[in-house]
């Protein structure tokens, strides 16, 4: 293998590394939405559980609100390219 072949292979590897880096960045961006959605769903669950202790419907409504926003965030993560 001469120097030009080595340089050509290095450029090809560099292209594939760049493509993988872009895919990783996209996956990390999606993961942020999934993490945010999961956190909101858990917050909604905990707030809704407070309804059982206090018998106040406001906590139930708040829990549903947080859960809905969490579901929307997770769906946005799915729909991102």
Protein backbone atom coordinates (compact mmCIF):
# COMPACT_ATOMS: atom_id res chain seq x y z
CA UNK A 1 0.00 0.00 0.00
CA UNK A 2 1.43 3.34 -0.98
CA UNK A 3 0.90 6.73 0.60
CA UNK A 4 -1.99 7.81 -1.70
CA UNK A 5 -3.97 4.64 -0.99
CA UNK A 6 -3.45 5.17 2.73
CA UNK A 7 -4.65 8.75 2.50
CA UNK A 8 -7.71 7.67 0.52
CA UNK A 9 -8.59 5.02 3.09
CA UNK A 10 -8.10 7.57 5.86
CA UNK A 11 -10.56 9.95 4.14
CA UNK A 12 -13.11 7.14 3.78
CA UNK A 13 -12.77 6.28 7.47
CA UNK A 14 -13.08 9.94 8.34
CA UNK A 15 -16.35 10.16 6.39
CA UNK A 16 -17.79 7.10 8.13
CA UNK A 17 -16.71 8.45 11.53
CA UNK A 18 -18.43 11.76 10.75
CA UNK A 19 -21.63 9.92 9.77
CA UNK A 20 -21.59 7.93 13.00
CA UNK A 21 -21.02 11.11 15.01
CA UNK A 22 -24.09 12.68 13.38
CA UNK A 23 -26.17 9.61 14.22
CA UNK A 24 -24.98 9.75 17.83
CA UNK A 25 -25.90 13.43 18.10
CA UNK A 26 -29.38 12.71 16.72
CA UNK A 27 -29.86 9.83 19.17
CA UNK A 28 -28.73 12.02 22.08
CA UNK A 29 -31.19 14.71 21.03
CA UNK A 30 -34.03 12.16 20.95
CA UNK A 31 -32.93 10.76 24.30
CA UNK A 32 -33.35 14.19 25.89
CA UNK A 33 -37.02 14.20 24.90
CA UNK A 34 -37.52 10.67 26.20
CA UNK A 35 -35.84 11.52 29.51
CA UNK A 36 -37.92 14.65 29.91
CA UNK A 37 -41.10 12.73 29.07
CA UNK A 38 -40.26 9.99 31.54
CA UNK A 39 -39.57 12.49 34.30
CA UNK A 40 -42.88 14.25 33.72
CA UNK A 41 -44.76 10.94 33.70
CA UNK A 42 -43.21 10.00 37.02
CA UNK A 43 -44.02 13.42 38.49
CA UNK A 44 -47.59 13.02 37.26
CA UNK A 45 -47.82 9.61 38.92
CA UNK A 46 -46.58 10.90 42.25
CA UNK A 47 -48.85 13.94 42.20
CA UNK A 48 -51.83 11.75 41.28
CA UNK A 49 -50.98 9.46 44.19
CA UNK A 50 -51.31 12.40 46.56
CA UNK A 51 -55.01 12.42 45.61
CA UNK A 52 -55.46 9.15 47.51
CA UNK A 53 -54.07 10.72 50.66
CA UNK A 54 -55.76 14.12 50.50
CA UNK A 55 -58.98 13.32 48.59
CA UNK A 56 -58.54 16.58 46.67
CA UNK A 57 -59.21 16.45 42.94
CA UNK A 58 -56.78 19.27 42.15
CA UNK A 59 -53.86 16.87 42.60
CA UNK A 60 -55.49 14.40 40.25
CA UNK A 61 -55.89 17.11 37.60
CA UNK A 62 -52.29 18.27 38.08
CA UNK A 63 -51.07 14.70 37.75
CA UNK A 64 -53.00 14.25 34.53
CA UNK A 65 -51.55 17.51 33.23
CA UNK A 66 -47.96 16.50 33.94
CA UNK A 67 -48.57 13.05 32.47
CA UNK A 68 -50.07 14.50 29.30
CA UNK A 69 -47.10 16.80 28.80
CA UNK A 70 -44.80 13.82 29.41
CA UNK A 71 -46.55 11.77 26.75
CA UNK A 72 -46.33 14.67 24.29
CA UNK A 73 -42.58 15.02 24.98
CA UNK A 74 -42.02 11.29 24.39
CA UNK A 75 -44.00 11.37 21.15
CA UNK A 76 -41.96 14.36 19.98
CA UNK A 77 -38.84 12.28 20.61
CA UNK A 78 -40.27 9.55 18.38
CA UNK A 79 -41.17 11.95 15.59
CA UNK A 80 -37.80 13.71 15.41
CA UNK A 81 -35.55 12.74 12.54
